[in-house]
Amino acid sequence: MTNKEVEEKIQQLQLLEQNLQAFLLQKQSFQQQLAEIESALKEIKDSKEVYKIIGNVMLATKKEELKKDLEDRKEKTELRIKTMERQEERTKERAQELQREVLQKIKKK
């Protein structure tokens, strides 16, 4: 492996680290959305009247309709979190692999 190849691998490693940071931020955002959805589901359980915000308007809506909508959003958000975690894991594995390659090259010098 030439010095240029090592430099390229280091650049790839830096890019993977940036990707990991982006995944973390996205995952945190989805986790926050999930917590809000779960909180809303808990709140509507004991409520007689429920409202849904559409744009800048709050409208009365059927409890079951809102519950179904929230459960659908919860399911999609959980799926997004799982997808992010898989991408994050693959990126971590690739970063570790590149790091080992670079360290082996540096040790050989």
PDB file of N, CA and C in Angstrom:
ATOM      1  N   MET A   1       0.852  -1.170   0.000  1.00  0.00           N
ATOM      2  CA  MET A   1       0.000   0.000   0.000  1.00  0.00           C
ATOM      3  C   MET A   1       0.901   1.238   0.000  1.00  0.00           C
ATOM      4  N   THR A   2       0.666   2.115  -0.960  1.00  0.00           N
ATOM      5  CA  THR A   2       1.485   3.325  -1.056  1.00  0.00           C
ATOM      6  C   THR A   2       0.984   4.383  -0.079  1.00  0.00           C
ATOM      7  N   ASN A   3       1.809   5.421   0.060  1.00  0.00           N
ATOM      8  CA  ASN A   3       1.410   6.530   0.934  1.00  0.00           C
ATOM      9  C   ASN A   3       0.118   7.180   0.437  1.00  0.00           C
ATOM     10  N   LYS A   4      -0.011   7.262  -0.874  1.00  0.00           N
ATOM     11  CA  LYS A   4      -1.224   7.858  -1.453  1.00  0.00           C
ATOM     12  C   LYS A   4      -2.442   7.009  -1.092  1.00  0.00           C
ATOM     13  N   GLU A   5      -2.314   5.701  -1.159  1.00  0.00           N
ATOM     14  CA  GLU A   5      -3.420   4.814  -0.790  1.00  0.00           C
ATOM     15  C   GLU A   5      -3.780   4.967   0.686  1.00  0.00           C
ATOM     16  N   VAL A   6      -2.774   5.127   1.511  1.00  0.00           N
ATOM     17  CA  VAL A   6      -3.007   5.329   2.944  1.00  0.00           C
ATOM     18  C   VAL A   6      -3.771   6.638   3.150  1.00  0.00           C
ATOM     19  N   GLU A   7      -3.338   7.692   2.461  1.00  0.00           N
ATOM     20  CA  GLU A   7      -4.024   8.983   2.569  1.00  0.00           C
ATOM     21  C   GLU A   7      -5.479   8.869   2.128  1.00  0.00           C
ATOM     22  N   GLU A   8      -5.719   8.128   1.045  1.00  0.00           N
ATOM     23  CA  GLU A   8      -7.087   7.939   0.558  1.00  0.00           C
ATOM     24  C   GLU A   8      -7.929   7.194   1.595  1.00  0.00           C
ATOM     25  N   LYS A   9      -7.345   6.193   2.207  1.00  0.00           N
ATOM     26  CA  LYS A   9      -8.067   5.433   3.225  1.00  0.00           C
ATOM     27  C   LYS A   9      -8.367   6.295   4.451  1.00  0.00           C
ATOM     28  N   ILE A  10      -7.439   7.170   4.792  1.00  0.00           N
ATOM     29  CA  ILE A  10      -7.664   8.087   5.914  1.00  0.00           C
ATOM     30  C   ILE A  10      -8.804   9.044   5.573  1.00  0.00           C
ATOM     31  N   GLN A  11      -8.840   9.513   4.342  1.00  0.00           N
ATOM     32  CA  GLN A  11      -9.929  10.394   3.911  1.00  0.00           C
ATOM     33  C   GLN A  11     -11.270   9.639   3.952  1.00  0.00           C
ATOM     34  N   GLN A  12     -11.248   8.386   3.508  1.00  0.00           N
ATOM     35  CA  GLN A  12     -12.465   7.570   3.566  1.00  0.00           C
ATOM     36  C   GLN A  12     -12.919   7.391   5.015  1.00  0.00           C
ATOM     37  N   LEU A  13     -11.962   7.179   5.878  1.00  0.00           N
ATOM     38  CA  LEU A  13     -12.241   7.007   7.299  1.00  0.00           C
ATOM     39  C   LEU A  13     -12.867   8.281   7.883  1.00  0.00           C
ATOM     40  N   GLN A  14     -12.343   9.420   7.507  1.00  0.00           N
ATOM     41  CA  GLN A  14     -12.907  10.691   7.981  1.00  0.00           C
ATOM     42  C   GLN A  14     -14.336  10.872   7.473  1.00  0.00           C
ATOM     43  N   LEU A  15     -14.566  10.491   6.227  1.00  0.00           N
ATOM     44  CA  LEU A  15     -15.911  10.580   5.657  1.00  0.00           C
ATOM     45  C   LEU A  15     -16.880   9.649   6.392  1.00  0.00           C
ATOM     46  N   LEU A  16     -16.415   8.460   6.713  1.00  0.00           N
ATOM     47  CA  LEU A  16     -17.250   7.512   7.461  1.00  0.00           C
ATOM     48  C   LEU A  16     -17.581   8.065   8.845  1.00  0.00           C
ATOM     49  N   GLU A  17     -16.617   8.719   9.479  1.00  0.00           N
ATOM     50  CA  GLU A  17     -16.854   9.335  10.788  1.00  0.00           C
ATOM     51  C   GLU A  17     -17.908  10.439  10.687  1.00  0.00           C
ATOM     52  N   GLN A  18     -17.846  11.223   9.620  1.00  0.00           N
ATOM     53  CA  GLN A  18     -18.854  12.260   9.398  1.00  0.00           C
ATOM     54  C   GLN A  18     -20.230  11.628   9.189  1.00  0.00           C
ATOM     55  N   ASN A  19     -20.262  10.536   8.434  1.00  0.00           N
ATOM     56  CA  ASN A  19     -21.524   9.822   8.207  1.00  0.00           C
ATOM     57  C   ASN A  19     -22.091   9.297   9.518  1.00  0.00           C
ATOM     58  N   LEU A  20     -21.232   8.779  10.373  1.00  0.00           N
ATOM     59  CA  LEU A  20     -21.674   8.276  11.673  1.00  0.00           C
ATOM     60  C   LEU A  20     -22.295   9.394  12.507  1.00  0.00           C
ATOM     61  N   GLN A  21     -21.681  10.565  12.466  1.00  0.00           N
ATOM     62  CA  GLN A  21     -22.238  11.711  13.195  1.00  0.00           C
ATOM     63  C   GLN A  21     -23.613  12.083  12.641  1.00  0.00           C
ATOM     64  N   ALA A  22     -23.755  12.064  11.320  1.00  0.00           N
ATOM     65  CA  ALA A  22     -25.042  12.380  10.695  1.00  0.00           C
ATOM     66  C   ALA A  22     -26.097  11.338  11.080  1.00  0.00           C
ATOM     67  N   PHE A  23     -25.710  10.056  11.076  1.00  0.00           N
ATOM     68  CA  PHE A  23     -26.640   8.996  11.483  1.00  0.00           C
ATOM     69  C   PHE A  23     -27.098   9.205  12.919  1.00  0.00           C
ATOM     70  N   LEU A  24     -26.159   9.567  13.775  1.00  0.00           N
ATOM     71  CA  LEU A  24     -26.475   9.779  15.185  1.00  0.00           C
ATOM     72  C   LEU A  24     -27.498  10.903  15.346  1.00  0.00           C
ATOM     73  N   LEU A  25     -27.285  12.001  14.644  1.00  0.00           N
ATOM     74  CA  LEU A  25     -28.212  13.128  14.730  1.00  0.00           C
ATOM     75  C   LEU A  25     -29.593  12.751  14.205  1.00  0.00           C
ATOM     76  N   GLN A  26     -29.638  12.041  13.093  1.00  0.00           N
ATOM     77  CA  GLN A  26     -30.921  11.612  12.531  1.00  0.00           C
ATOM     78  C   GLN A  26     -31.626  10.646  13.476  1.00  0.00           C
ATOM     79  N   LYS A  27     -30.865   9.719  14.026  1.00  0.00           N
ATOM     80  CA  LYS A  27     -31.456   8.738  14.939  1.00  0.00           C
ATOM     81  C   LYS A  27     -32.017   9.429  16.178  1.00  0.00           C
ATOM     82  N   GLN A  28     -31.289  10.394  16.702  1.00  0.00           N
ATOM     83  CA  GLN A  28     -31.770  11.138  17.864  1.00  0.00           C
ATOM     84  C   GLN A  28     -33.070  11.880  17.538  1.00  0.00           C
ATOM     85  N   SER A  29     -33.140  12.438  16.341  1.00  0.00           N
ATOM     86  CA  SER A  29     -34.350  13.136  15.913  1.00  0.00           C
ATOM     87  C   SER A  29     -35.533  12.164  15.851  1.00  0.00           C
ATOM     88  N   PHE A  30     -35.302  10.992  15.274  1.00  0.00           N
ATOM     89  CA  PHE A  30     -36.370   9.985  15.193  1.00  0.00           C
ATOM     90  C   PHE A  30     -36.774   9.500  16.586  1.00  0.00           C
ATOM     91  N   GLN A  31     -35.789   9.347  17.478  1.00  0.00           N
ATOM     92  CA  GLN A  31     -36.101   8.909  18.842  1.00  0.00           C
ATOM     93  C   GLN A  31     -36.928   9.952  19.575  1.00  0.00           C
ATOM     94  N   GLN A  32     -36.645  11.216  19.313  1.00  0.00           N
ATOM     95  CA  GLN A  32     -37.435  12.288  19.919  1.00  0.00           C
ATOM     96  C   GLN A  32     -38.867  12.258  19.367  1.00  0.00           C
ATOM     97  N   GLN A  33     -39.003  12.074  18.066  1.00  0.00           N
ATOM     98  CA  GLN A  33     -40.336  11.967  17.462  1.00  0.00           C
ATOM     99  C   GLN A  33     -41.099  10.791  18.066  1.00  0.00           C
ATOM    100  N   LEU A  34     -40.414   9.678  18.234  1.00  0.00           N
ATOM    101  CA  LEU A  34     -41.032   8.486  18.804  1.00  0.00           C
ATOM    102  C   LEU A  34     -41.527   8.758  20.224  1.00  0.00           C
ATOM    103  N   ALA A  35     -40.722   9.430  21.016  1.00  0.00           N
ATOM    104  CA  ALA A  35     -41.113   9.759  22.392  1.00  0.00           C
ATOM    105  C   ALA A  35     -42.351  10.660  22.389  1.00  0.00           C
ATOM    106  N   GLU A  36     -42.411  11.614  21.475  1.00  0.00           N
ATOM    107  CA  GLU A  36     -43.569  12.509  21.378  1.00  0.00           C
ATOM    108  C   GLU A  36     -44.822  11.739  20.972  1.00  0.00           C
ATOM    109  N   ILE A  37     -44.669  10.814  20.036  1.00  0.00           N
ATOM    110  CA  ILE A  37     -45.809  10.006  19.588  1.00  0.00           C
ATOM    111  C   ILE A  37     -46.317   9.133  20.732  1.00  0.00           C
ATOM    112  N   GLU A  38     -45.391   8.498  21.447  1.00  0.00           N
ATOM    113  CA  GLU A  38     -45.780   7.644  22.573  1.00  0.00           C
ATOM    114  C   GLU A  38     -46.481   8.460  23.653  1.00  0.00           C
ATOM    115  N   SER A  39     -46.006   9.667  23.884  1.00  0.00           N
ATOM    116  CA  SER A  39     -46.628  10.556  24.862  1.00  0.00           C
ATOM    117  C   SER A  39     -48.047  10.928  24.416  1.00  0.00           C
ATOM    118  N   ALA A  40     -48.206  11.233  23.146  1.00  0.00           N
ATOM    119  CA  ALA A  40     -49.525  11.579  22.610  1.00  0.00           C
ATOM    120  C   ALA A  40     -50.485  10.390  22.730  1.00  0.00           C
ATOM    121  N   LEU A  41     -49.993   9.193  22.430  1.00  0.00           N
ATOM    122  CA  LEU A  41     -50.828   7.993  22.555  1.00  0.00           C
ATOM    123  C   LEU A  41     -51.287   7.798  23.996  1.00  0.00           C
ATOM    124  N   LYS A  42     -50.388   8.061  24.933  1.00  0.00           N
ATOM    125  CA  LYS A  42     -50.715   7.927  26.350  1.00  0.00           C
ATOM    126  C   LYS A  42     -51.781   8.956  26.759  1.00  0.00           C
ATOM    127  N   GLU A  43     -51.640  10.164  26.243  1.00  0.00           N
ATOM    128  CA  GLU A  43     -52.564  11.249  26.587  1.00  0.00           C
ATOM    129  C   GLU A  43     -53.975  10.997  26.044  1.00  0.00           C
ATOM    130  N   ILE A  44     -54.076  10.475  24.821  1.00  0.00           N
ATOM    131  CA  ILE A  44     -55.418  10.298  24.247  1.00  0.00           C
ATOM    132  C   ILE A  44     -56.163   9.128  24.874  1.00  0.00           C
ATOM    133  N   LYS A  45     -55.428   8.244  25.543  1.00  0.00           N
ATOM    134  CA  LYS A  45     -56.047   7.083  26.182  1.00  0.00           C
ATOM    135  C   LYS A  45     -57.160   7.500  27.146  1.00  0.00           C
ATOM    136  N   ASP A  46     -56.912   8.528  27.954  1.00  0.00           N
ATOM    137  CA  ASP A  46     -57.858   8.954  28.986  1.00  0.00           C
ATOM    138  C   ASP A  46     -58.693  10.168  28.564  1.00  0.00           C
ATOM    139  N   SER A  47     -58.513  10.646  27.357  1.00  0.00           N
ATOM    140  CA  SER A  47     -59.230  11.841  26.908  1.00  0.00           C
ATOM    141  C   SER A  47     -60.549  11.480  26.244  1.00  0.00           C
ATOM    142  N   LYS A  48     -61.531  12.314  26.489  1.00  0.00           N
ATOM    143  CA  LYS A  48     -62.838  12.120  25.830  1.00  0.00           C
ATOM    144  C   LYS A  48     -62.851  12.829  24.483  1.00  0.00           C
ATOM    145  N   GLU A  49     -62.277  14.030  24.457  1.00  0.00           N
ATOM    146  CA  GLU A  49     -62.195  14.790  23.214  1.00  0.00           C
ATOM    147  C   GLU A  49     -60.733  14.864  22.788  1.00  0.00           C
ATOM    148  N   VAL A  50     -60.504  14.678  21.508  1.00  0.00           N
ATOM    149  CA  VAL A  50     -59.140  14.785  21.002  1.00  0.00           C
ATOM    150  C   VAL A  50     -59.123  15.718  19.799  1.00  0.00           C
ATOM    151  N   TYR A  51     -57.973  16.327  19.587  1.00  0.00           N
ATOM    152  CA  TYR A  51     -57.802  17.288  18.507  1.00  0.00           C
ATOM    153  C   TYR A  51     -56.545  16.931  17.719  1.00  0.00           C
ATOM    154  N   LYS A  52     -56.600  17.312  16.451  1.00  0.00           N
ATOM    155  CA  LYS A  52     -55.464  17.067  15.564  1.00  0.00           C
ATOM    156  C   LYS A  52     -55.081  18.402  14.944  1.00  0.00           C
ATOM    157  N   ILE A  53     -53.790  18.674  14.911  1.00  0.00           N
ATOM    158  CA  ILE A  53     -53.320  19.924  14.309  1.00  0.00           C
ATOM    159  C   ILE A  53     -52.981  19.650  12.848  1.00  0.00           C
ATOM    160  N   ILE A  54     -53.629  20.439  11.984  1.00  0.00           N
ATOM    161  CA  ILE A  54     -53.372  20.346  10.546  1.00  0.00           C
ATOM    162  C   ILE A  54     -52.963  21.742  10.093  1.00  0.00           C
ATOM    163  N   GLY A  55     -51.690  21.880   9.785  1.00  0.00           N
ATOM    164  CA  GLY A  55     -51.173  23.207   9.440  1.00  0.00           C
ATOM    165  C   GLY A  55     -51.233  24.094  10.663  1.00  0.00           C
ATOM    166  N   ASN A  56     -51.957  25.197  10.555  1.00  0.00           N
ATOM    167  CA  ASN A  56     -52.114  26.122  11.676  1.00  0.00           C
ATOM    168  C   ASN A  56     -53.477  25.992  12.348  1.00  0.00           C
ATOM    169  N   VAL A  57     -54.209  24.931  12.032  1.00  0.00           N
ATOM    170  CA  VAL A  57     -55.566  24.759  12.539  1.00  0.00           C
ATOM    171  C   VAL A  57     -55.654  23.516  13.415  1.00  0.00           C
ATOM    172  N   MET A  58     -56.336  23.644  14.536  1.00  0.00           N
ATOM    173  CA  MET A  58     -56.574  22.506  15.421  1.00  0.00           C
ATOM    174  C   MET A  58     -58.034  22.084  15.232  1.00  0.00           C
ATOM    175  N   LEU A  59     -58.231  20.825  14.840  1.00  0.00           N
ATOM    176  CA  LEU A  59     -59.568  20.323  14.568  1.00  0.00           C
ATOM    177  C   LEU A  59     -59.918  19.165  15.490  1.00  0.00           C
ATOM    178  N   ALA A  60     -61.182  19.138  15.926  1.00  0.00           N
ATOM    179  CA  ALA A  60     -61.659  17.986  16.690  1.00  0.00           C
ATOM    180  C   ALA A  60     -61.655  16.786  15.756  1.00  0.00           C
ATOM    181  N   THR A  61     -61.274  15.642  16.294  1.00  0.00           N
ATOM    182  CA  THR A  61     -61.230  14.447  15.466  1.00  0.00           C
ATOM    183  C   THR A  61     -61.664  13.244  16.293  1.00  0.00           C
ATOM    184  N   LYS A  62     -61.930  12.148  15.616  1.00  0.00           N
ATOM    185  CA  LYS A  62     -62.331  10.928  16.315  1.00  0.00           C
ATOM    186  C   LYS A  62     -61.110  10.311  16.984  1.00  0.00           C
ATOM    187  N   LYS A  63     -61.325   9.867  18.200  1.00  0.00           N
ATOM    188  CA  LYS A  63     -60.232   9.305  19.001  1.00  0.00           C
ATOM    189  C   LYS A  63     -59.581   8.118  18.299  1.00  0.00           C
ATOM    190  N   GLU A  64     -60.376   7.211  17.771  1.00  0.00           N
ATOM    191  CA  GLU A  64     -59.827   6.023  17.102  1.00  0.00           C
ATOM    192  C   GLU A  64     -59.039   6.387  15.851  1.00  0.00           C
ATOM    193  N   GLU A  65     -59.519   7.400  15.136  1.00  0.00           N
ATOM    194  CA  GLU A  65     -58.829   7.846  13.926  1.00  0.00           C
ATOM    195  C   GLU A  65     -57.452   8.416  14.275  1.00  0.00           C
ATOM    196  N   LEU A  66     -57.419   9.238  15.316  1.00  0.00           N
ATOM    197  CA  LEU A  66     -56.156   9.822  15.755  1.00  0.00           C
ATOM    198  C   LEU A  66     -55.214   8.747  16.297  1.00  0.00           C
ATOM    199  N   LYS A  67     -55.772   7.808  17.046  1.00  0.00           N
ATOM    200  CA  LYS A  67     -54.961   6.719  17.604  1.00  0.00           C
ATOM    201  C   LYS A  67     -54.330   5.907  16.484  1.00  0.00           C
ATOM    202  N   LYS A  68     -55.107   5.586  15.463  1.00  0.00           N
ATOM    203  CA  LYS A  68     -54.591   4.816  14.329  1.00  0.00           C
ATOM    204  C   LYS A  68     -53.486   5.594  13.608  1.00  0.00           C
ATOM    205  N   ASP A  69     -53.712   6.886  13.412  1.00  0.00           N
ATOM    206  CA  ASP A  69     -52.713   7.725  12.759  1.00  0.00           C
ATOM    207  C   ASP A  69     -51.408   7.759  13.567  1.00  0.00           C
ATOM    208  N   LEU A  70     -51.528   7.922  14.878  1.00  0.00           N
ATOM    209  CA  LEU A  70     -50.341   7.950  15.737  1.00  0.00           C
ATOM    210  C   LEU A  70     -49.618   6.604  15.753  1.00  0.00           C
ATOM    211  N   GLU A  71     -50.371   5.517  15.790  1.00  0.00           N
ATOM    212  CA  GLU A  71     -49.752   4.186  15.784  1.00  0.00           C
ATOM    213  C   GLU A  71     -49.029   3.926  14.468  1.00  0.00           C
ATOM    214  N   ASP A  72     -49.608   4.389  13.349  1.00  0.00           N
ATOM    215  CA  ASP A  72     -48.942   4.262  12.048  1.00  0.00           C
ATOM    216  C   ASP A  72     -47.634   5.055  12.036  1.00  0.00           C
ATOM    217  N   ARG A  73     -47.693   6.289  12.551  1.00  0.00           N
ATOM    218  CA  ARG A  73     -46.481   7.117  12.614  1.00  0.00           C
ATOM    219  C   ARG A  73     -45.439   6.485  13.521  1.00  0.00           C
ATOM    220  N   LYS A  74     -45.906   5.894  14.635  1.00  0.00           N
ATOM    221  CA  LYS A  74     -44.982   5.234  15.563  1.00  0.00           C
ATOM    222  C   LYS A  74     -44.276   4.070  14.868  1.00  0.00           C
ATOM    223  N   GLU A  75     -45.038   3.268  14.144  1.00  0.00           N
ATOM    224  CA  GLU A  75     -44.469   2.114  13.440  1.00  0.00           C
ATOM    225  C   GLU A  75     -43.432   2.562  12.405  1.00  0.00           C
ATOM    226  N   LYS A  76     -43.767   3.602  11.637  1.00  0.00           N
ATOM    227  CA  LYS A  76     -42.832   4.106  10.621  1.00  0.00           C
ATOM    228  C   LYS A  76     -41.572   4.675  11.268  1.00  0.00           C
ATOM    229  N   THR A  77     -41.739   5.372  12.376  1.00  0.00           N
ATOM    230  CA  THR A  77     -40.589   5.961  13.063  1.00  0.00           C
ATOM    231  C   THR A  77     -39.690   4.870  13.637  1.00  0.00           C
ATOM    232  N   GLU A  78     -40.282   3.831  14.216  1.00  0.00           N
ATOM    233  CA  GLU A  78     -39.488   2.715  14.738  1.00  0.00           C
ATOM    234  C   GLU A  78     -38.722   2.026  13.612  1.00  0.00           C
ATOM    235  N   LEU A  79     -39.351   1.893  12.451  1.00  0.00           N
ATOM    236  CA  LEU A  79     -38.688   1.293  11.292  1.00  0.00           C
ATOM    237  C   LEU A  79     -37.507   2.159  10.846  1.00  0.00           C
ATOM    238  N   ARG A  80     -37.712   3.467  10.842  1.00  0.00           N
ATOM    239  CA  ARG A  80     -36.615   4.376  10.461  1.00  0.00           C
ATOM    240  C   ARG A  80     -35.452   4.256  11.434  1.00  0.00           C
ATOM    241  N   ILE A  81     -35.760   4.157  12.719  1.00  0.00           N
ATOM    242  CA  ILE A  81     -34.691   4.024  13.722  1.00  0.00           C
ATOM    243  C   ILE A  81     -33.917   2.734  13.492  1.00  0.00           C
ATOM    244  N   LYS A  82     -34.617   1.630  13.236  1.00  0.00           N
ATOM    245  CA  LYS A  82     -33.942   0.349  12.984  1.00  0.00           C
ATOM    246  C   LYS A  82     -33.075   0.441  11.743  1.00  0.00           C
ATOM    247  N   THR A  83     -33.582   1.099  10.703  1.00  0.00           N
ATOM    248  CA  THR A  83     -32.809   1.266   9.463  1.00  0.00           C
ATOM    249  C   THR A  83     -31.555   2.081   9.731  1.00  0.00           C
ATOM    250  N   MET A  84     -31.699   3.163  10.498  1.00  0.00           N
ATOM    251  CA  MET A  84     -30.546   3.998  10.840  1.00  0.00           C
ATOM    252  C   MET A  84     -29.517   3.194  11.636  1.00  0.00           C
ATOM    253  N   GLU A  85     -29.990   2.367  12.557  1.00  0.00           N
ATOM    254  CA  GLU A  85     -29.079   1.560  13.372  1.00  0.00           C
ATOM    255  C   GLU A  85     -28.311   0.561  12.509  1.00  0.00           C
ATOM    256  N   ARG A  86     -28.991  -0.036  11.517  1.00  0.00           N
ATOM    257  CA  ARG A  86     -28.294  -0.967  10.612  1.00  0.00           C
ATOM    258  C   ARG A  86     -27.239  -0.232   9.789  1.00  0.00           C
ATOM    259  N   GLN A  87     -27.609   0.938   9.257  1.00  0.00           N
ATOM    260  CA  GLN A  87     -26.651   1.723   8.475  1.00  0.00           C
ATOM    261  C   GLN A  87     -25.470   2.144   9.350  1.00  0.00           C
ATOM    262  N   GLU A  88     -25.778   2.541  10.555  1.00  0.00           N
ATOM    263  CA  GLU A  88     -24.748   2.963  11.495  1.00  0.00           C
ATOM    264  C   GLU A  88     -23.789   1.804  11.785  1.00  0.00           C
ATOM    265  N   GLU A  89     -24.336   0.623  12.002  1.00  0.00           N
ATOM    266  CA  GLU A  89     -23.509  -0.553  12.300  1.00  0.00           C
ATOM    267  C   GLU A  89     -22.606  -0.906  11.116  1.00  0.00           C
ATOM    268  N   ARG A  90     -23.160  -0.895   9.902  1.00  0.00           N
ATOM    269  CA  ARG A  90     -22.347  -1.189   8.715  1.00  0.00           C
ATOM    270  C   ARG A  90     -21.230  -0.153   8.544  1.00  0.00           C
ATOM    271  N   THR A  91     -21.553   1.097   8.798  1.00  0.00           N
ATOM    272  CA  THR A  91     -20.553   2.161   8.668  1.00  0.00           C
ATOM    273  C   THR A  91     -19.456   1.995   9.711  1.00  0.00           C
ATOM    274  N   LYS A  92     -19.838   1.641  10.942  1.00  0.00           N
ATOM    275  CA  LYS A  92     -18.842   1.410  11.999  1.00  0.00           C
ATOM    276  C   LYS A  92     -17.914   0.261  11.617  1.00  0.00           C
ATOM    277  N   GLU A  93     -18.485  -0.818  11.080  1.00  0.00           N
ATOM    278  CA  GLU A  93     -17.673  -1.969  10.683  1.00  0.00           C
ATOM    279  C   GLU A  93     -16.684  -1.576   9.588  1.00  0.00           C
ATOM    280  N   ARG A  94     -17.140  -0.808   8.611  1.00  0.00           N
ATOM    281  CA  ARG A  94     -16.262  -0.372   7.523  1.00  0.00           C
ATOM    282  C   ARG A  94     -15.161   0.545   8.067  1.00  0.00           C
ATOM    283  N   ALA A  95     -15.525   1.426   9.001  1.00  0.00           N
ATOM    284  CA  ALA A  95     -14.537   2.337   9.589  1.00  0.00           C
ATOM    285  C   ALA A  95     -13.479   1.551  10.361  1.00  0.00           C
ATOM    286  N   GLN A  96     -13.901   0.544  11.102  1.00  0.00           N
ATOM    287  CA  GLN A  96     -12.949  -0.279  11.856  1.00  0.00           C
ATOM    288  C   GLN A  96     -12.017  -1.031  10.912  1.00  0.00           C
ATOM    289  N   GLU A  97     -12.584  -1.514   9.814  1.00  0.00           N
ATOM    290  CA  GLU A  97     -11.778  -2.230   8.817  1.00  0.00           C
ATOM    291  C   GLU A  97     -10.719  -1.296   8.215  1.00  0.00           C
ATOM    292  N   LEU A  98     -11.137  -0.098   7.833  1.00  0.00           N
ATOM    293  CA  LEU A  98     -10.191   0.877   7.266  1.00  0.00           C
ATOM    294  C   LEU A  98      -9.139   1.274   8.292  1.00  0.00           C
ATOM    295  N   GLN A  99      -9.559   1.442   9.526  1.00  0.00           N
ATOM    296  CA  GLN A  99      -8.624   1.824  10.581  1.00  0.00           C
ATOM    297  C   GLN A  99      -7.556   0.740  10.772  1.00  0.00           C
ATOM    298  N   ARG A 100      -7.970  -0.530  10.746  1.00  0.00           N
ATOM    299  CA  ARG A 100      -7.001  -1.635  10.873  1.00  0.00           C
ATOM    300  C   ARG A 100      -6.007  -1.616   9.715  1.00  0.00           C
ATOM    301  N   GLU A 101      -6.517  -1.401   8.488  1.00  0.00           N
ATOM    302  CA  GLU A 101      -5.647  -1.364   7.312  1.00  0.00           C
ATOM    303  C   GLU A 101      -4.609  -0.248   7.431  1.00  0.00           C
ATOM    304  N   VAL A 102      -5.070   0.925   7.844  1.00  0.00           N
ATOM    305  CA  VAL A 102      -4.165   2.076   7.962  1.00  0.00           C
ATOM    306  C   VAL A 102      -3.133   1.826   9.063  1.00  0.00           C
ATOM    307  N   LEU A 103      -3.573   1.311  10.201  1.00  0.00           N
ATOM    308  CA  LEU A 103      -2.642   1.039  11.303  1.00  0.00           C
ATOM    309  C   LEU A 103      -1.603  -0.008  10.909  1.00  0.00           C
ATOM    310  N   GLN A 104      -2.022  -1.033  10.164  1.00  0.00           N
ATOM    311  CA  GLN A 104      -1.068  -2.055   9.719  1.00  0.00           C
ATOM    312  C   GLN A 104      -0.014  -1.431   8.804  1.00  0.00           C
ATOM    313  N   LYS A 105      -0.440  -0.564   7.922  1.00  0.00           N
ATOM    314  CA  LYS A 105       0.479   0.089   7.012  1.00  0.00           C
ATOM    315  C   LYS A 105       1.467   0.985   7.775  1.00  0.00           C
ATOM    316  N   ILE A 106       0.929   1.706   8.753  1.00  0.00           N
ATOM    317  CA  ILE A 106       1.785   2.618   9.531  1.00  0.00           C
ATOM    318  C   ILE A 106       2.817   1.827  10.343  1.00  0.00           C
ATOM    319  N   LYS A 107       2.398   0.674  10.908  1.00  0.00           N
ATOM    320  CA  LYS A 107       3.301  -0.149  11.700  1.00  0.00           C
ATOM    321  C   LYS A 107       4.423  -0.750  10.853  1.00  0.00           C
ATOM    322  N   LYS A 108       4.144  -1.016   9.592  1.00  0.00           N
ATOM    323  CA  LYS A 108       5.138  -1.623   8.706  1.00  0.00           C
ATOM    324  C   LYS A 108       6.248  -0.657   8.329  1.00  0.00           C
ATOM    325  N   LYS A 109       5.989   0.637   8.465  1.00  0.00           N
ATOM    326  CA  LYS A 109       6.995   1.641   8.069  1.00  0.00           C
ATOM    327  C   LYS A 109       8.162   1.658   9.007  1.00  0.00           C
TER     328      LYS A 109
END
